[in-house]
Amino acid sequence: MAALDSQKLTPTEETEVQQWITTSERLKSSPSDTSILDKLNSHLTSRTTLLGTKPSKADVAIYESLAPTVKSWTPEQRTGEKGHPHILRHLDFVQNSGIFGLNIDDADKIKVDLDEVLYVKPPVDAKAEKERLKKEKAAAAAAAAGGEGGVAATLVDRTKAAAEVVKDAAVEAGSKAAAAVGVATEKPKKEKKEKAPKPQKAPAVTTPPSPHLIDLRVGHILKAIKHPEADSLYVSTIAMGDKPGTEDTTEYEGQVCRTVCSGLNGLVPLEEMQNRKVVVVANLKPVKMRGIKSCAMVLAASPKLKEGEVDDHKGPVELVAPPPDAKTGERVCFEGWRGEPEGVLNPKKKIWETFQPGFTTTDNLEVVFDGHLVKEAGKEEIGKLTTASGGVCTVPSLKGATVR
């Protein structure tokens, strides 16, 4: 706290800090006040700290007021549709960052599961939202004008109605006059030409679900660091054969690379993540992980859970290794299930979720796809994970493991 007390703040920031400290006092007596929680959660939607990016003692005050209650929040209260995920993220940042000097024991911290996200707010269609607001504004203006312009509007309506009556009378008189002189008032109808039937389009060819739709490649980790905002994550810079200008890529050491977040911190030593070949899933939809966009996934093996056993995320974990002579970006496929992958996997089709349970390892430590485990595979065969040149991908020691 000494560092925060000596921090220089503008008069405006000082005022805001005092306001948040007052809010923290209210939360101490009413930690479940949804009106305060909703405003706080909304405020933190686009901010790392209460002041935006600058830490202050206000962050500590809010933490101390809310932490005892948030520890017992249900998953729905944390990340559900009506939950407060941004408050949870903020408190987790405060308890784990050395900036605030809290030095909280792990046993006393709020337990946060990074994979537990029950609801993601759908993106807003800016164009549709603009149109909606425009209609609402027009309706409000019309309602406001109803009081003052009601009489004028009524007169206009009556005038229109009178004009319609005169018009109808004129049309009727004209019809009678035409009938008196034997003039036909109806024009002969033209015969409609029959339109030629449109040629039927051939039905679209649907590709049956298959493991080959997953884009597996050889990746080269050029560097890996610890995620600045998450103790369990590494952030890796990986070359995987993308062409220059590909979306979600950057250039590093003359190579086109992607940024990849992996939950391997504490399971795989950081030194083992440096300058090595791995196998990556390259066509999952990118996702932000604690503020950093992750654009692929590194394949790793871990022991299969027994029935009723819960994953404690303690490992062991081993990275899947391609053959030593494999080239960066080389396609990797399961024998018996070769084919072209999709550009980006559609999350609604759940291709990865369907076929990943068949990813496993043999007693020979080879990575394979076991068709016996996935009925959608269409055949009960076992195919090795190989490069185009025929080399087999392996793991160091885990037999019968889950690969994901």
Protein backbone atom coordinates (compact mmCIF):
# COMPACT_ATOMS: atom_id res chain seq x y z
CA MET A 1 0.00 0.00 0.00
CA ALA A 2 2.96 2.32 0.54
CA ALA A 3 3.49 2.58 -3.21
CA LEU A 4 -0.19 3.41 -3.74
CA ASP A 5 -0.20 6.05 -0.97
CA SER A 6 2.75 7.85 -2.57
CA GLN A 7 1.21 7.72 -6.05
CA LYS A 8 0.50 11.08 -7.69
CA LEU A 9 -3.11 11.55 -8.74
CA THR A 10 -4.84 14.49 -10.37
CA PRO A 11 -7.54 16.31 -8.36
CA THR A 12 -10.19 14.64 -10.53
CA GLU A 13 -8.69 11.20 -9.85
CA GLU A 14 -8.48 11.93 -6.12
CA THR A 15 -12.18 12.79 -6.11
CA GLU A 16 -13.04 9.58 -7.98
CA VAL A 17 -10.95 7.50 -5.55
CA GLN A 18 -12.85 9.00 -2.58
CA GLN A 19 -16.15 8.24 -4.31
CA TRP A 20 -15.18 4.59 -4.79
CA ILE A 21 -14.01 4.34 -1.17
CA THR A 22 -17.45 5.62 -0.12
CA THR A 23 -19.01 2.96 -2.39
CA SER A 24 -16.83 0.30 -0.74
CA GLU A 25 -18.21 1.33 2.68
CA ARG A 26 -21.74 0.88 1.37
CA LEU A 27 -20.79 -2.55 -0.01
CA LYS A 28 -19.44 -3.61 3.38
CA SER A 29 -22.90 -3.25 4.86
CA SER A 30 -24.77 -4.39 1.72
CA PRO A 31 -22.44 -6.65 -0.34
CA SER A 32 -25.39 -8.08 -2.30
CA ASP A 33 -26.90 -4.76 -3.36
CA THR A 34 -27.50 -5.51 -7.05
CA SER A 35 -27.90 -1.83 -8.00
CA ILE A 36 -24.36 -1.07 -6.77
CA LEU A 37 -22.94 -4.32 -8.20
CA ASP A 38 -24.52 -3.69 -11.60
CA LYS A 39 -23.00 -0.19 -11.80
CA LEU A 40 -19.60 -1.44 -10.66
CA ASN A 41 -19.64 -4.32 -13.15
CA SER A 42 -20.62 -1.96 -15.97
CA HIS A 43 -17.86 0.50 -14.98
CA LEU A 44 -15.24 -2.28 -15.12
CA THR A 45 -16.36 -3.58 -18.53
CA SER A 46 -13.55 -1.73 -20.35
CA ARG A 47 -11.24 -0.96 -17.41
CA THR A 48 -8.46 -2.90 -15.70
CA THR A 49 -8.70 -0.78 -12.54
CA LEU A 50 -11.32 1.62 -11.19
CA LEU A 51 -9.36 4.57 -12.63
CA GLY A 52 -8.91 2.82 -15.98
CA THR A 53 -5.32 1.56 -15.99
CA LYS A 54 -3.89 3.31 -12.93
CA PRO A 55 -4.00 1.29 -9.69
CA SER A 56 -5.19 3.04 -6.53
CA LYS A 57 -6.23 2.37 -2.94
CA ALA A 58 -9.83 2.42 -4.18
CA ASP A 59 -9.20 -0.97 -5.86
CA VAL A 60 -8.00 -2.37 -2.54
CA ALA A 61 -11.02 -0.94 -0.70
CA ILE A 62 -13.46 -2.55 -3.15
CA TYR A 63 -11.57 -5.86 -2.88
CA GLU A 64 -11.68 -5.87 0.92
CA SER A 65 -15.42 -5.08 0.89
CA LEU A 66 -16.43 -7.69 -1.68
CA ALA A 67 -13.93 -10.57 -1.44
CA PRO A 68 -15.64 -12.38 1.51
CA THR A 69 -18.97 -12.40 -0.38
CA VAL A 70 -17.61 -13.14 -3.87
CA LYS A 71 -15.84 -16.26 -2.54
CA SER A 72 -19.27 -17.82 -2.06
CA TRP A 73 -20.81 -16.61 -5.34
CA THR A 74 -22.39 -19.32 -7.49
CA PRO A 75 -21.18 -19.85 -11.08
CA GLU A 76 -24.33 -18.03 -12.25
CA GLN A 77 -23.51 -15.01 -10.05
CA ARG A 78 -19.96 -15.02 -11.40
CA THR A 79 -20.30 -15.46 -15.16
CA GLY A 80 -24.01 -16.10 -15.83
CA GLU A 81 -26.24 -13.92 -17.98
CA LYS A 82 -27.10 -11.74 -14.96
CA GLY A 83 -23.76 -12.27 -13.24
CA HIS A 84 -20.88 -9.86 -12.61
CA PRO A 85 -17.84 -11.27 -14.47
CA HIS A 86 -15.97 -7.94 -14.65
CA ILE A 87 -16.08 -7.58 -10.86
CA LEU A 88 -14.69 -11.11 -10.55
CA ARG A 89 -11.88 -10.33 -13.02
CA HIS A 90 -11.02 -7.10 -11.18
CA LEU A 91 -10.86 -8.78 -7.75
CA ASP A 92 -8.71 -11.59 -9.15
CA PHE A 93 -6.33 -9.01 -10.62
CA VAL A 94 -6.07 -7.16 -7.28
CA GLN A 95 -5.41 -10.32 -5.25
CA ASN A 96 -2.73 -11.63 -7.63
CA SER A 97 -0.91 -8.43 -8.62
CA GLY A 98 2.04 -7.32 -6.51
CA ILE A 99 1.19 -3.68 -7.31
CA PHE A 100 -1.38 -3.61 -4.51
CA GLY A 101 0.90 -5.24 -1.91
CA LEU A 102 -1.82 -7.43 -0.34
CA ASN A 103 0.29 -10.64 -0.09
CA ILE A 104 -2.76 -12.89 0.28
CA ASP A 105 -2.18 -16.62 0.87
CA ASP A 106 -3.43 -18.85 -1.93
CA ALA A 107 -5.81 -20.56 0.49
CA ASP A 108 -7.49 -17.21 1.25
CA LYS A 109 -7.83 -16.03 -2.36
CA ILE A 110 -11.02 -16.09 -4.39
CA LYS A 111 -10.87 -19.28 -6.46
CA VAL A 112 -11.34 -18.44 -10.15
CA ASP A 113 -11.85 -21.04 -12.88
CA LEU A 114 -10.77 -19.44 -16.18
CA ASP A 115 -12.67 -22.03 -18.24
CA GLU A 116 -15.98 -21.43 -16.45
CA VAL A 117 -17.83 -18.87 -18.61
CA LEU A 118 -21.60 -19.49 -18.57
CA TYR A 119 -22.68 -16.55 -20.73
CA VAL A 120 -21.04 -14.40 -23.39
CA LYS A 121 -22.96 -11.28 -24.40
CA PRO A 122 -23.68 -11.41 -28.17
CA PRO A 123 -22.13 -8.62 -30.25
CA VAL A 124 -24.37 -5.63 -30.98
CA ASP A 125 -25.24 -4.95 -34.62
CA ALA A 126 -24.30 -1.26 -34.74
CA LYS A 127 -26.41 -0.60 -37.83
CA ALA A 128 -29.52 -2.25 -36.38
CA GLU A 129 -29.03 -0.47 -33.05
CA LYS A 130 -28.76 2.91 -34.84
CA GLU A 131 -31.96 2.18 -36.77
CA ARG A 132 -33.78 1.17 -33.57
CA LEU A 133 -32.76 4.38 -31.79
CA LYS A 134 -33.83 6.42 -34.82
CA LYS A 135 -37.31 4.82 -34.76
CA GLU A 136 -37.63 5.36 -31.02
CA LYS A 137 -36.69 9.04 -31.44
CA ALA A 138 -39.23 9.49 -34.24
CA ALA A 139 -41.97 7.82 -32.17
CA ALA A 140 -41.17 10.04 -29.19
CA ALA A 141 -41.29 13.16 -31.38
CA ALA A 142 -44.64 12.08 -32.81
CA ALA A 143 -46.05 11.49 -29.32
CA ALA A 144 -44.79 14.90 -28.15
CA ALA A 145 -46.36 16.58 -31.14
CA GLY A 146 -49.66 14.80 -30.49
CA GLY A 147 -50.70 17.28 -27.80
CA GLU A 148 -50.00 20.49 -29.68
CA GLY A 149 -50.65 19.30 -33.22
CA GLY A 150 -53.60 17.03 -32.50
CA VAL A 151 -56.22 19.51 -33.73
CA ALA A 152 -54.24 20.34 -36.87
CA ALA A 153 -53.75 16.63 -37.58
CA THR A 154 -57.50 16.02 -37.24
CA LEU A 155 -58.29 18.83 -39.68
CA VAL A 156 -55.84 17.40 -42.19
CA ASP A 157 -57.40 13.94 -41.85
CA ARG A 158 -60.92 15.37 -42.38
CA THR A 159 -59.74 17.28 -45.47
CA LYS A 160 -58.25 14.08 -46.90
CA ALA A 161 -61.46 12.18 -46.22
CA ALA A 162 -63.57 14.87 -47.93
CA ALA A 163 -61.26 14.80 -50.96
CA GLU A 164 -61.67 11.01 -51.20
CA VAL A 165 -65.50 11.38 -51.20
CA VAL A 166 -65.37 13.95 -54.05
CA LYS A 167 -62.98 11.69 -55.99
CA ASP A 168 -65.24 8.65 -55.60
CA ALA A 169 -68.28 10.67 -56.73
CA ALA A 170 -66.43 11.86 -59.85
CA VAL A 171 -65.39 8.33 -60.75
CA GLU A 172 -68.96 7.06 -60.34
CA ALA A 173 -70.37 9.87 -62.53
CA GLY A 174 -67.79 9.17 -65.22
CA SER A 175 -68.68 5.49 -65.24
CA LYS A 176 -72.40 6.22 -65.71
CA ALA A 177 -71.70 8.65 -68.59
CA ALA A 178 -69.52 6.12 -70.33
CA ALA A 179 -72.20 3.45 -69.99
CA ALA A 180 -74.83 5.81 -71.50
CA VAL A 181 -72.87 6.26 -74.76
CA GLY A 182 -71.87 2.62 -74.98
CA VAL A 183 -68.27 3.14 -74.16
CA ALA A 184 -66.66 0.22 -72.38
CA THR A 185 -64.96 1.37 -69.23
CA GLU A 186 -62.94 -1.77 -68.77
CA LYS A 187 -59.87 -2.32 -70.88
CA PRO A 188 -59.34 -5.80 -72.24
CA LYS A 189 -56.92 -7.73 -70.11
CA LYS A 190 -53.72 -8.84 -71.71
CA GLU A 191 -53.01 -12.51 -71.66
CA LYS A 192 -50.15 -13.40 -69.38
CA LYS A 193 -47.31 -15.23 -70.94
CA GLU A 194 -46.34 -18.38 -69.20
CA LYS A 195 -42.92 -18.09 -67.67
CA ALA A 196 -40.42 -20.82 -68.34
CA PRO A 197 -39.67 -22.77 -65.16
CA LYS A 198 -36.41 -21.78 -63.50
CA PRO A 199 -33.71 -24.45 -63.60
CA GLN A 200 -33.39 -26.16 -60.23
CA LYS A 201 -30.09 -25.65 -58.43
CA ALA A 202 -28.20 -28.75 -57.52
CA PRO A 203 -28.31 -29.37 -53.76
CA ALA A 204 -25.17 -28.25 -51.92
CA VAL A 205 -22.76 -31.05 -51.20
CA THR A 206 -22.39 -31.46 -47.44
CA THR A 207 -19.13 -32.80 -46.08
CA PRO A 208 -19.74 -35.45 -43.41
CA PRO A 209 -18.10 -34.67 -40.05
CA SER A 210 -14.57 -36.05 -39.82
CA PRO A 211 -11.35 -35.47 -37.84
CA HIS A 212 -9.72 -34.14 -41.01
CA LEU A 213 -11.80 -30.95 -40.69
CA ILE A 214 -9.53 -30.00 -37.75
CA ASP A 215 -6.47 -28.12 -39.08
CA LEU A 216 -3.52 -29.75 -37.30
CA ARG A 217 -0.07 -28.39 -38.16
CA VAL A 218 3.55 -28.39 -37.05
CA GLY A 219 4.23 -25.24 -35.08
CA HIS A 220 7.54 -23.74 -33.98
CA ILE A 221 7.49 -21.88 -30.64
CA LEU A 222 9.93 -18.98 -31.06
CA LYS A 223 9.39 -17.68 -27.53
CA ALA A 224 7.08 -18.14 -24.56
CA ILE A 225 6.45 -15.93 -21.53
CA LYS A 226 4.17 -15.98 -18.51
CA HIS A 227 0.81 -14.27 -19.00
CA PRO A 228 0.95 -10.92 -17.14
CA GLU A 229 -2.62 -11.28 -15.84
CA ALA A 230 -3.06 -15.05 -15.29
CA ASP A 231 -0.85 -17.33 -13.21
CA SER A 232 -1.88 -20.51 -15.08
CA LEU A 233 -1.22 -19.25 -18.62
CA TYR A 234 1.77 -19.00 -20.95
CA VAL A 235 1.76 -16.65 -23.94
CA SER A 236 3.67 -18.16 -26.88
CA THR A 237 4.74 -16.70 -30.22
CA ILE A 238 4.38 -19.57 -32.70
CA ALA A 239 5.19 -19.82 -36.42
CA MET A 240 2.83 -22.29 -38.14
CA GLY A 241 3.19 -21.69 -41.87
CA ASP A 242 0.77 -18.76 -42.32
CA LYS A 243 1.22 -16.48 -45.33
CA PRO A 244 2.17 -12.80 -44.78
CA GLY A 245 -0.92 -10.67 -44.21
CA THR A 246 -3.00 -13.50 -42.76
CA GLU A 247 -5.51 -12.21 -40.21
CA ASP A 248 -4.47 -12.43 -36.53
CA THR A 249 -0.75 -12.82 -37.33
CA THR A 250 2.33 -10.74 -36.57
CA GLU A 251 5.93 -10.87 -37.74
CA TYR A 252 8.65 -11.96 -35.31
CA GLU A 253 12.28 -12.62 -36.21
CA GLY A 254 11.34 -12.57 -39.89
CA GLN A 255 8.59 -15.20 -39.53
CA VAL A 256 4.78 -14.91 -39.67
CA CYS A 257 3.50 -15.92 -36.23
CA ARG A 258 0.39 -16.20 -34.12
CA THR A 259 -0.03 -15.46 -30.42
CA VAL A 260 -1.24 -18.50 -28.47
CA CYS A 261 -2.29 -18.70 -24.80
CA SER A 262 -1.90 -22.11 -23.13
CA GLY A 263 -2.90 -23.23 -19.64
CA LEU A 264 0.46 -24.93 -19.11
CA ASN A 265 2.07 -22.67 -16.49
CA GLY A 266 2.95 -24.91 -13.55
CA LEU A 267 2.54 -28.05 -15.67
CA VAL A 268 5.30 -27.64 -18.27
CA PRO A 269 8.52 -25.78 -17.32
CA LEU A 270 8.86 -22.47 -19.15
CA GLU A 271 12.29 -23.47 -20.48
CA GLU A 272 10.67 -26.45 -22.26
CA MET A 273 8.41 -24.02 -24.14
CA GLN A 274 11.31 -22.21 -25.82
CA ASN A 275 12.43 -22.77 -29.43
CA ARG A 276 10.76 -26.14 -29.95
CA LYS A 277 8.41 -27.88 -32.39
CA VAL A 278 4.85 -28.68 -31.31
CA VAL A 279 1.54 -29.68 -32.90
CA VAL A 280 -1.11 -26.95 -32.99
CA VAL A 281 -4.83 -26.74 -33.77
CA ALA A 282 -4.85 -23.84 -36.23
CA ASN A 283 -8.53 -23.32 -37.11
CA LEU A 284 -10.28 -22.83 -33.79
CA LYS A 285 -12.09 -19.49 -33.49
CA PRO A 286 -9.74 -16.97 -31.78
CA VAL A 287 -10.66 -16.13 -28.18
CA LYS A 288 -9.44 -13.52 -25.70
CA MET A 289 -7.84 -14.94 -22.56
CA ARG A 290 -7.39 -12.32 -19.86
CA GLY A 291 -7.03 -9.53 -22.41
CA ILE A 292 -4.75 -11.37 -24.88
CA LYS A 293 -6.18 -12.81 -28.10
CA SER A 294 -5.25 -16.47 -28.52
CA CYS A 295 -5.31 -17.64 -32.15
CA ALA A 296 -4.53 -21.37 -31.94
CA MET A 297 -4.06 -24.19 -29.41
CA VAL A 298 -1.04 -26.32 -28.50
CA LEU A 299 -1.75 -30.08 -28.31
CA ALA A 300 -0.72 -31.78 -25.07
CA ALA A 301 -1.38 -35.15 -23.40
CA SER A 302 -2.58 -35.81 -19.86
CA PRO A 303 -3.74 -38.99 -18.03
CA LYS A 304 -7.29 -40.13 -18.81
CA LEU A 305 -9.74 -39.55 -15.98
CA LYS A 306 -11.37 -42.59 -14.45
CA GLU A 307 -15.14 -42.72 -14.10
CA GLY A 308 -16.24 -40.31 -11.37
CA GLU A 309 -12.79 -38.74 -11.12
CA VAL A 310 -12.52 -34.93 -11.24
CA ASP A 311 -9.72 -33.17 -13.14
CA ASP A 312 -7.60 -31.31 -10.58
CA HIS A 313 -5.46 -29.73 -13.34
CA LYS A 314 -2.27 -30.86 -11.56
CA GLY A 315 -0.88 -32.95 -14.40
CA PRO A 316 1.28 -34.56 -15.45
CA VAL A 317 1.13 -32.93 -18.90
CA GLU A 318 3.35 -33.66 -21.92
CA LEU A 319 3.50 -31.72 -25.20
CA VAL A 320 2.83 -33.64 -28.41
CA ALA A 321 6.06 -33.72 -30.43
CA PRO A 322 6.16 -33.94 -34.24
CA PRO A 323 9.01 -35.87 -35.92
CA PRO A 324 12.39 -34.08 -35.59
CA ASP A 325 12.60 -33.43 -39.36
CA ALA A 326 9.05 -31.99 -39.63
CA LYS A 327 8.84 -28.57 -41.25
CA THR A 328 7.09 -25.58 -39.70
CA GLY A 329 3.52 -25.33 -41.04
CA GLU A 330 3.45 -28.92 -42.34
CA ARG A 331 -0.03 -30.49 -42.24
CA VAL A 332 -0.55 -33.28 -39.72
CA CYS A 333 -3.39 -35.81 -40.21
CA PHE A 334 -4.67 -39.09 -38.81
CA GLU A 335 -4.12 -42.06 -41.12
CA GLY A 336 -7.47 -43.14 -42.56
CA TRP A 337 -9.00 -39.70 -42.05
CA ARG A 338 -7.09 -37.49 -44.46
CA GLY A 339 -8.70 -34.52 -46.21
CA GLU A 340 -8.86 -30.74 -46.40
CA PRO A 341 -9.61 -28.91 -43.13
CA GLU A 342 -12.18 -26.15 -42.70
CA GLY A 343 -10.95 -22.54 -42.74
CA VAL A 344 -12.31 -21.77 -39.27
CA LEU A 345 -14.29 -24.33 -37.28
CA ASN A 346 -17.89 -23.23 -36.70
CA PRO A 347 -18.41 -23.38 -32.90
CA LYS A 348 -22.07 -24.34 -33.43
CA LYS A 349 -21.09 -27.53 -35.29
CA LYS A 350 -18.83 -28.62 -32.38
CA ILE A 351 -16.38 -30.47 -34.66
CA TRP A 352 -13.52 -30.21 -32.13
CA GLU A 353 -15.73 -31.25 -29.19
CA THR A 354 -17.07 -34.24 -31.18
CA PHE A 355 -13.75 -35.74 -32.28
CA GLN A 356 -11.29 -34.71 -29.53
CA PRO A 357 -12.41 -37.58 -27.23
CA GLY A 358 -10.87 -39.95 -29.82
CA PHE A 359 -7.41 -38.31 -29.53
CA THR A 360 -5.27 -40.62 -27.41
CA THR A 361 -1.84 -42.32 -27.14
CA THR A 362 -0.79 -45.95 -27.54
CA ASP A 363 1.54 -48.19 -25.53
CA ASN A 364 4.18 -47.21 -28.12
CA LEU A 365 3.66 -43.53 -27.11
CA GLU A 366 2.25 -42.68 -30.55
CA VAL A 367 -0.58 -40.15 -30.86
CA VAL A 368 -3.61 -41.69 -32.61
CA PHE A 369 -7.30 -41.19 -33.31
CA ASP A 370 -9.40 -44.11 -32.03
CA GLY A 371 -12.57 -44.45 -34.09
CA HIS A 372 -13.97 -46.89 -31.51
CA LEU A 373 -14.41 -43.97 -29.09
CA VAL A 374 -16.32 -41.64 -31.46
CA LYS A 375 -19.35 -43.05 -33.30
CA GLU A 376 -19.47 -40.00 -35.62
CA ALA A 377 -16.10 -41.08 -37.08
CA GLY A 378 -17.96 -43.59 -39.25
CA LYS A 379 -15.48 -46.45 -38.81
CA GLU A 380 -13.93 -48.27 -35.90
CA GLU A 381 -10.30 -47.91 -36.88
CA ILE A 382 -7.19 -46.48 -35.24
CA GLY A 383 -5.13 -43.97 -37.24
CA LYS A 384 -1.72 -42.60 -36.29
CA LEU A 385 -1.12 -38.84 -36.28
CA THR A 386 1.45 -38.39 -39.04
CA THR A 387 3.01 -35.64 -41.12
CA ALA A 388 2.70 -35.55 -44.90
CA SER A 389 6.11 -37.25 -45.11
CA GLY A 390 4.92 -40.13 -42.90
CA GLY A 391 6.58 -39.31 -39.57
CA VAL A 392 4.54 -40.15 -36.44
CA CYS A 393 3.80 -37.64 -33.64
CA THR A 394 4.59 -38.91 -30.14
CA VAL A 395 4.68 -38.07 -26.42
CA PRO A 396 7.55 -38.79 -23.98
CA SER A 397 5.91 -41.23 -21.52
CA LEU A 398 2.10 -41.06 -21.15
CA LYS A 399 0.30 -44.19 -22.41
CA GLY A 400 -3.46 -44.28 -23.01
CA ALA A 401 -3.61 -40.55 -22.38
CA THR A 402 -6.11 -37.89 -23.41
CA VAL A 403 -4.72 -35.50 -26.03
CA ARG A 404 -6.17 -31.98 -26.27
